[in-house]
Amino acid sequence: MVAFTAGADSIRSMIEWVLLLDRPEGPLLDLEAAFRGAGPEGCLVESARGPSRLLASVGAEDPPSLVVLPEEGTGDREPVALMARLHAISPGLPVVIAARAGSVDAAAKAVAGGATDFLVLADPLAPRVSTLLGKLRGLIDERERARRLDEQNAQLRASVQARFNFVGDSKEMHA
């Protein structure tokens, strides 16, 4: 028998883990603090110390709910190329580009490159992050619901298939 649950816990926001890519010169401590303050209770906010760690975290069994990349970057930190690699690992992963200054052109370029949204790192930062999370909450929740449905469907298929498994393995049993 397979049991599926959908209680009050599944109704709360599913923003569980926000992962930021550090800049080469160091972590984005003010941005981390803003996400900690604006995120739902229990939301983990962490920084990855390089693209390889970021990609490994996204490829893990329990990937982040949201990834934040700095706008400036070259080589393996170039945001558009990095977003393509992230989406190859986890299609539909919400990715936000964070920039010290913003323009309509910069935001349009980021979104055209695969970003879900664009965040300008200007004061006051906390309300900007809160607004961003409010905008993304529905998308993140739907992505998590789809992931859970996929898991439940796999469990259901396995339980149905188990009903048709034979005890023996001879040709006569399969005839």
N, C-alpha and C. Protein backbone atom coordinates (compact mmCIF):
# COMPACT_ATOMS: atom_id res chain seq x y z
N MET A 1 0.84 -1.18 0.00
CA MET A 1 0.00 0.00 0.00
C MET A 1 0.89 1.25 0.00
N VAL A 2 0.50 2.23 -0.78
CA VAL A 2 1.25 3.49 -0.87
C VAL A 2 0.38 4.58 -0.26
N ALA A 3 0.94 5.34 0.66
CA ALA A 3 0.19 6.43 1.30
C ALA A 3 0.71 7.77 0.81
N PHE A 4 -0.21 8.64 0.52
CA PHE A 4 0.14 9.99 0.08
C PHE A 4 -0.45 10.97 1.08
N THR A 5 0.33 12.00 1.41
CA THR A 5 -0.16 12.98 2.38
C THR A 5 -0.17 14.35 1.77
N ALA A 6 -1.15 15.11 2.13
CA ALA A 6 -1.23 16.52 1.73
C ALA A 6 -1.96 17.25 2.84
N GLY A 7 -1.23 17.65 3.83
CA GLY A 7 -1.83 18.34 4.96
C GLY A 7 -1.43 19.79 4.99
N ALA A 8 -1.54 20.38 6.16
CA ALA A 8 -1.23 21.79 6.34
C ALA A 8 0.21 22.09 5.99
N ASP A 9 1.12 21.14 6.22
CA ASP A 9 2.53 21.36 5.92
C ASP A 9 2.76 21.61 4.44
N SER A 10 1.95 20.99 3.58
CA SER A 10 2.16 21.17 2.15
C SER A 10 1.56 22.49 1.66
N ILE A 11 0.75 23.12 2.48
CA ILE A 11 0.14 24.39 2.08
C ILE A 11 1.09 25.56 2.30
N ARG A 12 1.92 25.49 3.35
CA ARG A 12 2.85 26.59 3.61
C ARG A 12 3.82 26.74 2.43
N SER A 13 4.46 27.85 2.37
CA SER A 13 5.39 28.10 1.28
C SER A 13 6.49 27.04 1.24
N MET A 14 6.85 26.66 0.05
CA MET A 14 7.85 25.61 -0.12
C MET A 14 9.23 26.17 -0.44
N ILE A 15 9.45 27.45 -0.12
CA ILE A 15 10.78 28.03 -0.28
C ILE A 15 11.60 27.55 0.91
N GLU A 16 12.38 26.50 0.68
CA GLU A 16 13.09 25.87 1.78
C GLU A 16 14.58 26.18 1.79
N TRP A 17 15.15 26.49 0.61
CA TRP A 17 16.59 26.67 0.53
C TRP A 17 16.92 27.66 -0.57
N VAL A 18 17.58 28.74 -0.20
CA VAL A 18 18.06 29.75 -1.14
C VAL A 18 19.58 29.63 -1.18
N LEU A 19 20.12 29.46 -2.39
CA LEU A 19 21.55 29.31 -2.56
C LEU A 19 22.09 30.45 -3.40
N LEU A 20 23.06 31.18 -2.84
CA LEU A 20 23.67 32.32 -3.52
C LEU A 20 25.08 31.94 -3.97
N LEU A 21 25.48 32.40 -5.13
CA LEU A 21 26.86 32.22 -5.57
C LEU A 21 27.67 33.40 -5.07
N ASP A 22 28.72 33.12 -4.29
CA ASP A 22 29.60 34.18 -3.81
C ASP A 22 30.26 34.89 -4.97
N ARG A 23 30.58 36.15 -4.75
CA ARG A 23 31.43 36.88 -5.69
C ARG A 23 32.86 36.45 -5.43
N PRO A 24 33.75 36.58 -6.41
CA PRO A 24 35.15 36.21 -6.16
C PRO A 24 35.76 36.96 -4.98
N GLU A 25 35.31 38.20 -4.75
CA GLU A 25 35.87 38.98 -3.64
C GLU A 25 35.26 38.65 -2.29
N GLY A 26 34.25 37.75 -2.27
CA GLY A 26 33.70 37.34 -0.99
C GLY A 26 32.19 37.19 -1.01
N PRO A 27 31.63 36.74 0.10
CA PRO A 27 30.20 36.47 0.18
C PRO A 27 29.37 37.75 0.15
N LEU A 28 28.12 37.58 -0.20
CA LEU A 28 27.16 38.67 -0.24
C LEU A 28 26.39 38.68 1.09
N LEU A 29 27.08 39.08 2.15
CA LEU A 29 26.51 38.97 3.49
C LEU A 29 25.22 39.77 3.66
N ASP A 30 25.15 40.96 3.08
CA ASP A 30 23.93 41.76 3.21
C ASP A 30 22.76 41.09 2.49
N LEU A 31 23.04 40.46 1.36
CA LEU A 31 21.98 39.76 0.62
C LEU A 31 21.55 38.50 1.38
N GLU A 32 22.51 37.78 1.93
CA GLU A 32 22.17 36.61 2.75
C GLU A 32 21.26 37.03 3.91
N ALA A 33 21.62 38.10 4.59
CA ALA A 33 20.83 38.58 5.73
C ALA A 33 19.42 38.97 5.29
N ALA A 34 19.31 39.62 4.13
CA ALA A 34 17.99 40.02 3.63
C ALA A 34 17.12 38.80 3.32
N PHE A 35 17.71 37.77 2.73
CA PHE A 35 16.95 36.55 2.44
C PHE A 35 16.56 35.83 3.73
N ARG A 36 17.45 35.83 4.71
CA ARG A 36 17.12 35.20 6.00
C ARG A 36 15.93 35.92 6.65
N GLY A 37 15.93 37.23 6.56
CA GLY A 37 14.85 38.00 7.17
C GLY A 37 13.53 37.90 6.42
N ALA A 38 13.59 37.75 5.11
CA ALA A 38 12.38 37.75 4.31
C ALA A 38 11.84 36.35 4.04
N GLY A 39 12.69 35.34 4.15
CA GLY A 39 12.26 33.97 3.85
C GLY A 39 11.35 33.41 4.91
N PRO A 40 10.63 32.35 4.56
CA PRO A 40 9.76 31.72 5.55
C PRO A 40 10.56 31.09 6.68
N GLU A 41 9.93 30.86 7.79
CA GLU A 41 10.61 30.25 8.94
C GLU A 41 11.20 28.91 8.52
N GLY A 42 12.45 28.69 8.91
CA GLY A 42 13.12 27.45 8.59
C GLY A 42 13.80 27.43 7.24
N CYS A 43 13.68 28.51 6.48
CA CYS A 43 14.32 28.58 5.16
C CYS A 43 15.84 28.68 5.35
N LEU A 44 16.57 27.81 4.69
CA LEU A 44 18.01 27.80 4.75
C LEU A 44 18.56 28.75 3.68
N VAL A 45 19.46 29.63 4.07
CA VAL A 45 20.11 30.55 3.13
C VAL A 45 21.60 30.30 3.23
N GLU A 46 22.21 29.94 2.10
CA GLU A 46 23.64 29.62 2.08
C GLU A 46 24.30 30.23 0.86
N SER A 47 25.61 30.32 0.94
CA SER A 47 26.42 30.77 -0.19
C SER A 47 27.30 29.63 -0.67
N ALA A 48 27.39 29.50 -1.99
CA ALA A 48 28.31 28.53 -2.59
C ALA A 48 29.58 29.28 -2.94
N ARG A 49 30.71 28.71 -2.63
CA ARG A 49 32.01 29.37 -2.82
C ARG A 49 32.60 29.12 -4.20
N GLY A 50 31.77 29.02 -5.19
CA GLY A 50 32.26 28.86 -6.56
C GLY A 50 31.25 28.10 -7.39
N PRO A 51 31.35 28.22 -8.71
CA PRO A 51 30.39 27.56 -9.60
C PRO A 51 30.33 26.05 -9.44
N SER A 52 31.48 25.39 -9.19
CA SER A 52 31.44 23.93 -9.08
C SER A 52 30.63 23.50 -7.86
N ARG A 53 30.75 24.20 -6.76
CA ARG A 53 29.95 23.88 -5.57
C ARG A 53 28.47 24.18 -5.80
N LEU A 54 28.21 25.28 -6.49
CA LEU A 54 26.83 25.64 -6.82
C LEU A 54 26.19 24.55 -7.67
N LEU A 55 26.89 24.13 -8.72
CA LEU A 55 26.36 23.11 -9.62
C LEU A 55 26.17 21.77 -8.89
N ALA A 56 27.09 21.43 -8.01
CA ALA A 56 26.97 20.18 -7.25
C ALA A 56 25.74 20.24 -6.33
N SER A 57 25.49 21.38 -5.71
CA SER A 57 24.33 21.52 -4.84
C SER A 57 23.03 21.41 -5.62
N VAL A 58 23.00 22.00 -6.81
CA VAL A 58 21.80 21.95 -7.64
C VAL A 58 21.56 20.52 -8.13
N GLY A 59 22.64 19.76 -8.35
CA GLY A 59 22.51 18.38 -8.80
C GLY A 59 22.24 17.38 -7.70
N ALA A 60 22.20 17.84 -6.46
CA ALA A 60 21.97 16.95 -5.32
C ALA A 60 20.53 16.45 -5.31
N GLU A 61 20.29 15.44 -4.50
CA GLU A 61 18.96 14.84 -4.41
C GLU A 61 17.92 15.85 -3.96
N ASP A 62 18.29 16.76 -3.06
CA ASP A 62 17.37 17.78 -2.56
C ASP A 62 17.92 19.15 -2.95
N PRO A 63 17.65 19.62 -4.17
CA PRO A 63 18.25 20.87 -4.65
C PRO A 63 17.63 22.10 -4.01
N PRO A 64 18.29 23.24 -4.17
CA PRO A 64 17.74 24.49 -3.60
C PRO A 64 16.43 24.87 -4.29
N SER A 65 15.64 25.66 -3.58
CA SER A 65 14.38 26.18 -4.13
C SER A 65 14.65 27.33 -5.09
N LEU A 66 15.74 28.07 -4.84
CA LEU A 66 16.05 29.28 -5.58
C LEU A 66 17.55 29.48 -5.59
N VAL A 67 18.08 29.90 -6.74
CA VAL A 67 19.51 30.21 -6.86
C VAL A 67 19.63 31.69 -7.23
N VAL A 68 20.59 32.37 -6.60
CA VAL A 68 20.85 33.78 -6.87
C VAL A 68 22.29 33.91 -7.37
N LEU A 69 22.44 34.52 -8.54
CA LEU A 69 23.76 34.72 -9.15
C LEU A 69 24.07 36.19 -9.25
N PRO A 70 25.32 36.59 -8.98
CA PRO A 70 25.70 37.99 -9.23
C PRO A 70 25.72 38.27 -10.73
N GLU A 71 25.34 39.48 -11.09
CA GLU A 71 25.28 39.85 -12.51
C GLU A 71 26.67 39.85 -13.15
N GLU A 72 27.64 40.35 -12.41
CA GLU A 72 28.98 40.43 -12.98
C GLU A 72 29.67 39.09 -12.82
N GLY A 73 30.32 38.65 -13.86
CA GLY A 73 31.04 37.39 -13.81
C GLY A 73 31.63 37.08 -15.16
N THR A 74 32.77 36.44 -15.15
CA THR A 74 33.41 36.04 -16.39
C THR A 74 33.82 34.58 -16.27
N GLY A 75 34.17 33.99 -17.38
CA GLY A 75 34.60 32.60 -17.38
C GLY A 75 33.49 31.70 -16.87
N ASP A 76 33.81 30.83 -15.92
CA ASP A 76 32.80 29.90 -15.40
C ASP A 76 31.78 30.59 -14.50
N ARG A 77 31.97 31.88 -14.22
CA ARG A 77 31.01 32.66 -13.42
C ARG A 77 30.11 33.55 -14.28
N GLU A 78 30.26 33.47 -15.59
CA GLU A 78 29.42 34.29 -16.48
C GLU A 78 27.98 33.82 -16.31
N PRO A 79 27.06 34.74 -15.95
CA PRO A 79 25.72 34.32 -15.53
C PRO A 79 24.91 33.57 -16.59
N VAL A 80 24.91 34.00 -17.85
CA VAL A 80 24.08 33.34 -18.85
C VAL A 80 24.57 31.90 -19.08
N ALA A 81 25.87 31.71 -19.19
CA ALA A 81 26.41 30.35 -19.37
C ALA A 81 26.15 29.50 -18.13
N LEU A 82 26.28 30.09 -16.97
CA LEU A 82 26.04 29.35 -15.73
C LEU A 82 24.56 28.98 -15.60
N MET A 83 23.66 29.88 -15.99
CA MET A 83 22.23 29.56 -15.96
C MET A 83 21.92 28.38 -16.89
N ALA A 84 22.55 28.35 -18.05
CA ALA A 84 22.33 27.23 -18.98
C ALA A 84 22.76 25.92 -18.33
N ARG A 85 23.88 25.93 -17.64
CA ARG A 85 24.35 24.71 -16.95
C ARG A 85 23.40 24.34 -15.81
N LEU A 86 22.93 25.33 -15.06
CA LEU A 86 21.99 25.06 -13.98
C LEU A 86 20.70 24.45 -14.50
N HIS A 87 20.17 25.02 -15.59
CA HIS A 87 18.91 24.53 -16.15
C HIS A 87 19.08 23.18 -16.83
N ALA A 88 20.28 22.85 -17.27
CA ALA A 88 20.53 21.51 -17.82
C ALA A 88 20.44 20.47 -16.71
N ILE A 89 20.88 20.84 -15.51
CA ILE A 89 20.83 19.94 -14.36
C ILE A 89 19.42 19.90 -13.77
N SER A 90 18.80 21.06 -13.66
CA SER A 90 17.49 21.18 -13.01
C SER A 90 16.59 22.11 -13.81
N PRO A 91 15.92 21.57 -14.85
CA PRO A 91 15.06 22.42 -15.68
C PRO A 91 14.00 23.13 -14.83
N GLY A 92 13.80 24.38 -15.11
CA GLY A 92 12.79 25.14 -14.39
C GLY A 92 13.24 25.71 -13.06
N LEU A 93 14.50 25.46 -12.68
CA LEU A 93 15.00 26.00 -11.42
C LEU A 93 14.93 27.52 -11.45
N PRO A 94 14.27 28.15 -10.48
CA PRO A 94 14.24 29.61 -10.45
C PRO A 94 15.64 30.17 -10.16
N VAL A 95 16.09 31.06 -11.04
CA VAL A 95 17.40 31.70 -10.91
C VAL A 95 17.18 33.20 -10.98
N VAL A 96 17.72 33.91 -9.99
CA VAL A 96 17.62 35.37 -9.94
C VAL A 96 19.01 35.94 -10.15
N ILE A 97 19.09 36.97 -10.96
CA ILE A 97 20.34 37.70 -11.16
C ILE A 97 20.31 38.91 -10.23
N ALA A 98 21.36 39.06 -9.43
CA ALA A 98 21.47 40.18 -8.49
C ALA A 98 22.54 41.14 -9.00
N ALA A 99 22.17 42.42 -9.12
CA ALA A 99 23.08 43.42 -9.67
C ALA A 99 23.17 44.62 -8.74
N ARG A 100 24.35 45.22 -8.71
CA ARG A 100 24.54 46.42 -7.88
C ARG A 100 23.74 47.60 -8.41
N ALA A 101 23.60 47.66 -9.70
CA ALA A 101 22.79 48.70 -10.35
C ALA A 101 21.95 48.01 -11.41
N GLY A 102 20.84 48.59 -11.73
CA GLY A 102 19.97 47.93 -12.70
C GLY A 102 19.45 48.87 -13.75
N SER A 103 19.06 48.27 -14.84
CA SER A 103 18.41 49.00 -15.93
C SER A 103 17.45 48.04 -16.60
N VAL A 104 16.55 48.58 -17.38
CA VAL A 104 15.61 47.74 -18.11
C VAL A 104 16.37 46.83 -19.05
N ASP A 105 17.42 47.34 -19.69
CA ASP A 105 18.21 46.51 -20.61
C ASP A 105 18.90 45.37 -19.89
N ALA A 106 19.47 45.64 -18.72
CA ALA A 106 20.16 44.59 -17.95
C ALA A 106 19.16 43.52 -17.50
N ALA A 107 17.99 43.95 -17.05
CA ALA A 107 16.97 42.99 -16.62
C ALA A 107 16.48 42.16 -17.81
N ALA A 108 16.26 42.82 -18.94
CA ALA A 108 15.80 42.10 -20.14
C ALA A 108 16.84 41.09 -20.60
N LYS A 109 18.11 41.46 -20.55
CA LYS A 109 19.19 40.54 -20.94
C LYS A 109 19.23 39.33 -20.01
N ALA A 110 19.08 39.57 -18.71
CA ALA A 110 19.10 38.48 -17.73
C ALA A 110 17.93 37.52 -17.96
N VAL A 111 16.75 38.06 -18.16
CA VAL A 111 15.57 37.22 -18.38
C VAL A 111 15.68 36.48 -19.71
N ALA A 112 16.17 37.14 -20.73
CA ALA A 112 16.37 36.48 -22.02
C ALA A 112 17.39 35.35 -21.91
N GLY A 113 18.34 35.50 -20.99
CA GLY A 113 19.37 34.48 -20.77
C GLY A 113 18.92 33.34 -19.88
N GLY A 114 17.69 33.40 -19.37
CA GLY A 114 17.17 32.30 -18.57
C GLY A 114 16.85 32.64 -17.12
N ALA A 115 17.07 33.88 -16.71
CA ALA A 115 16.76 34.26 -15.33
C ALA A 115 15.25 34.33 -15.11
N THR A 116 14.85 34.00 -13.92
CA THR A 116 13.44 34.10 -13.54
C THR A 116 13.11 35.54 -13.18
N ASP A 117 14.08 36.23 -12.59
CA ASP A 117 13.87 37.61 -12.17
C ASP A 117 15.22 38.31 -12.02
N PHE A 118 15.16 39.59 -11.73
CA PHE A 118 16.34 40.44 -11.63
C PHE A 118 16.18 41.26 -10.35
N LEU A 119 17.21 41.28 -9.51
CA LEU A 119 17.16 41.99 -8.23
C LEU A 119 18.27 43.02 -8.19
N VAL A 120 17.90 44.27 -7.95
CA VAL A 120 18.88 45.34 -7.80
C VAL A 120 19.26 45.44 -6.33
N LEU A 121 20.56 45.36 -6.06
CA LEU A 121 21.07 45.38 -4.69
C LEU A 121 21.24 46.81 -4.19
N ALA A 122 20.13 47.49 -4.06
CA ALA A 122 20.15 48.87 -3.58
C ALA A 122 19.36 48.96 -2.28
N ASP A 123 19.64 49.99 -1.51
CA ASP A 123 18.91 50.20 -0.27
C ASP A 123 17.53 50.76 -0.58
N PRO A 124 16.55 50.33 0.16
CA PRO A 124 16.57 49.31 1.20
C PRO A 124 16.45 47.91 0.57
N LEU A 125 17.36 47.03 0.93
CA LEU A 125 17.45 45.70 0.34
C LEU A 125 16.38 44.75 0.88
N ALA A 126 16.11 44.79 2.16
CA ALA A 126 15.16 43.84 2.77
C ALA A 126 13.79 43.86 2.10
N PRO A 127 13.17 45.04 1.88
CA PRO A 127 11.86 45.03 1.21
C PRO A 127 11.94 44.55 -0.24
N ARG A 128 13.08 44.79 -0.90
CA ARG A 128 13.25 44.31 -2.27
C ARG A 128 13.25 42.78 -2.30
N VAL A 129 13.97 42.17 -1.35
CA VAL A 129 14.04 40.71 -1.29
C VAL A 129 12.68 40.14 -0.90
N SER A 130 12.00 40.79 0.02
CA SER A 130 10.67 40.34 0.43
C SER A 130 9.71 40.36 -0.76
N THR A 131 9.75 41.43 -1.55
CA THR A 131 8.91 41.53 -2.74
C THR A 131 9.26 40.45 -3.75
N LEU A 132 10.56 40.23 -3.94
CA LEU A 132 11.02 39.19 -4.86
C LEU A 132 10.48 37.82 -4.45
N LEU A 133 10.62 37.48 -3.18
CA LEU A 133 10.13 36.18 -2.71
C LEU A 133 8.62 36.07 -2.85
N GLY A 134 7.93 37.18 -2.62
CA GLY A 134 6.47 37.17 -2.83
C GLY A 134 6.11 36.88 -4.27
N LYS A 135 6.86 37.47 -5.20
CA LYS A 135 6.60 37.23 -6.63
C LYS A 135 6.91 35.79 -7.02
N LEU A 136 7.97 35.22 -6.43
CA LEU A 136 8.42 33.89 -6.83
C LEU A 136 7.76 32.75 -6.06
N ARG A 137 7.09 33.08 -4.97
CA ARG A 137 6.53 32.04 -4.10
C ARG A 137 5.63 31.07 -4.87
N GLY A 138 4.73 31.58 -5.67
CA GLY A 138 3.82 30.71 -6.42
C GLY A 138 4.56 29.79 -7.37
N LEU A 139 5.54 30.33 -8.09
CA LEU A 139 6.33 29.53 -9.02
C LEU A 139 7.09 28.43 -8.28
N ILE A 140 7.72 28.78 -7.19
CA ILE A 140 8.50 27.81 -6.41
C ILE A 140 7.58 26.75 -5.81
N ASP A 141 6.43 27.17 -5.31
CA ASP A 141 5.48 26.22 -4.74
C ASP A 141 4.99 25.23 -5.81
N GLU A 142 4.67 25.73 -7.00
CA GLU A 142 4.19 24.85 -8.07
C GLU A 142 5.29 23.89 -8.52
N ARG A 143 6.51 24.36 -8.57
CA ARG A 143 7.64 23.49 -8.94
C ARG A 143 7.79 22.36 -7.92
N GLU A 144 7.68 22.69 -6.64
CA GLU A 144 7.80 21.67 -5.60
C GLU A 144 6.63 20.70 -5.64
N ARG A 145 5.43 21.22 -5.87
CA ARG A 145 4.26 20.32 -5.99
C ARG A 145 4.44 19.36 -7.16
N ALA A 146 4.93 19.84 -8.28
CA ALA A 146 5.16 18.99 -9.45
C ALA A 146 6.21 17.92 -9.13
N ARG A 147 7.27 18.30 -8.41
CA ARG A 147 8.30 17.33 -8.03
C ARG A 147 7.71 16.25 -7.13
N ARG A 148 6.89 16.67 -6.18
CA ARG A 148 6.26 15.68 -5.28
C ARG A 148 5.29 14.78 -6.02
N LEU A 149 4.54 15.34 -6.97
CA LEU A 149 3.64 14.52 -7.78
C LEU A 149 4.42 13.49 -8.59
N ASP A 150 5.55 13.91 -9.16
CA ASP A 150 6.40 12.97 -9.90
C ASP A 150 6.85 11.82 -8.99
N GLU A 151 7.24 12.14 -7.77
CA GLU A 151 7.65 11.11 -6.81
C GLU A 151 6.49 10.18 -6.49
N GLN A 152 5.31 10.76 -6.24
CA GLN A 152 4.15 9.95 -5.91
C GLN A 152 3.75 9.06 -7.09
N ASN A 153 3.82 9.59 -8.31
CA ASN A 153 3.50 8.80 -9.50
C ASN A 153 4.48 7.63 -9.64
N ALA A 154 5.75 7.87 -9.38
CA ALA A 154 6.74 6.80 -9.45
C ALA A 154 6.44 5.72 -8.41
N GLN A 155 6.06 6.14 -7.20
CA GLN A 155 5.71 5.18 -6.16
C GLN A 155 4.47 4.38 -6.56
N LEU A 156 3.49 5.05 -7.12
CA LEU A 156 2.26 4.39 -7.54
C LEU A 156 2.55 3.39 -8.66
N ARG A 157 3.35 3.80 -9.65
CA ARG A 157 3.72 2.87 -10.74
C ARG A 157 4.45 1.66 -10.19
N ALA A 158 5.34 1.88 -9.23
CA ALA A 158 6.08 0.76 -8.64
C ALA A 158 5.13 -0.17 -7.89
N SER A 159 4.16 0.38 -7.17
CA SER A 159 3.23 -0.47 -6.42
C SER A 159 2.32 -1.25 -7.36
N VAL A 160 1.89 -0.64 -8.46
CA VAL A 160 1.07 -1.35 -9.45
C VAL A 160 1.90 -2.44 -10.12
N GLN A 161 3.13 -2.12 -10.47
CA GLN A 161 4.01 -3.11 -11.10
C GLN A 161 4.28 -4.28 -10.16
N ALA A 162 4.39 -4.01 -8.87
CA ALA A 162 4.66 -5.07 -7.90
C ALA A 162 3.54 -6.10 -7.86
N ARG A 163 2.31 -5.71 -8.19
CA ARG A 163 1.19 -6.65 -8.22
C ARG A 163 1.35 -7.70 -9.31
N PHE A 164 2.12 -7.36 -10.35
CA PHE A 164 2.26 -8.27 -11.48
C PHE A 164 3.58 -9.02 -11.47
N ASN A 165 4.36 -8.87 -10.43
CA ASN A 165 5.61 -9.62 -10.32
C ASN A 165 5.30 -11.08 -10.02
N PHE A 166 6.01 -11.96 -10.67
CA PHE A 166 5.83 -13.40 -10.46
C PHE A 166 6.75 -13.87 -9.35
N VAL A 167 6.30 -14.90 -8.66
CA VAL A 167 7.11 -15.47 -7.61
C VAL A 167 8.28 -16.22 -8.22
N GLY A 168 8.01 -17.01 -9.24
CA GLY A 168 9.05 -17.77 -9.93
C GLY A 168 9.58 -17.02 -11.12
N ASP A 169 10.61 -17.54 -11.72
CA ASP A 169 11.22 -16.85 -12.83
C ASP A 169 11.40 -17.77 -14.03
N SER A 170 10.67 -18.89 -14.05
CA SER A 170 10.82 -19.83 -15.17
C SER A 170 10.03 -19.35 -16.37
N LYS A 171 10.36 -19.90 -17.56
CA LYS A 171 9.63 -19.55 -18.78
C LYS A 171 8.17 -19.91 -18.66
N GLU A 172 7.89 -21.02 -17.99
CA GLU A 172 6.52 -21.47 -17.83
C GLU A 172 5.67 -20.47 -17.03
N MET A 173 6.29 -19.82 -16.05
CA MET A 173 5.59 -18.85 -15.23
C MET A 173 5.21 -17.60 -16.03
N HIS A 174 5.99 -17.29 -17.05
CA HIS A 174 5.75 -16.09 -17.84
C HIS A 174 4.91 -16.38 -19.07
N ALA A 175 4.59 -17.62 -19.33
CA ALA A 175 3.84 -18.00 -20.55
C ALA A 175 2.38 -17.70 -20.41
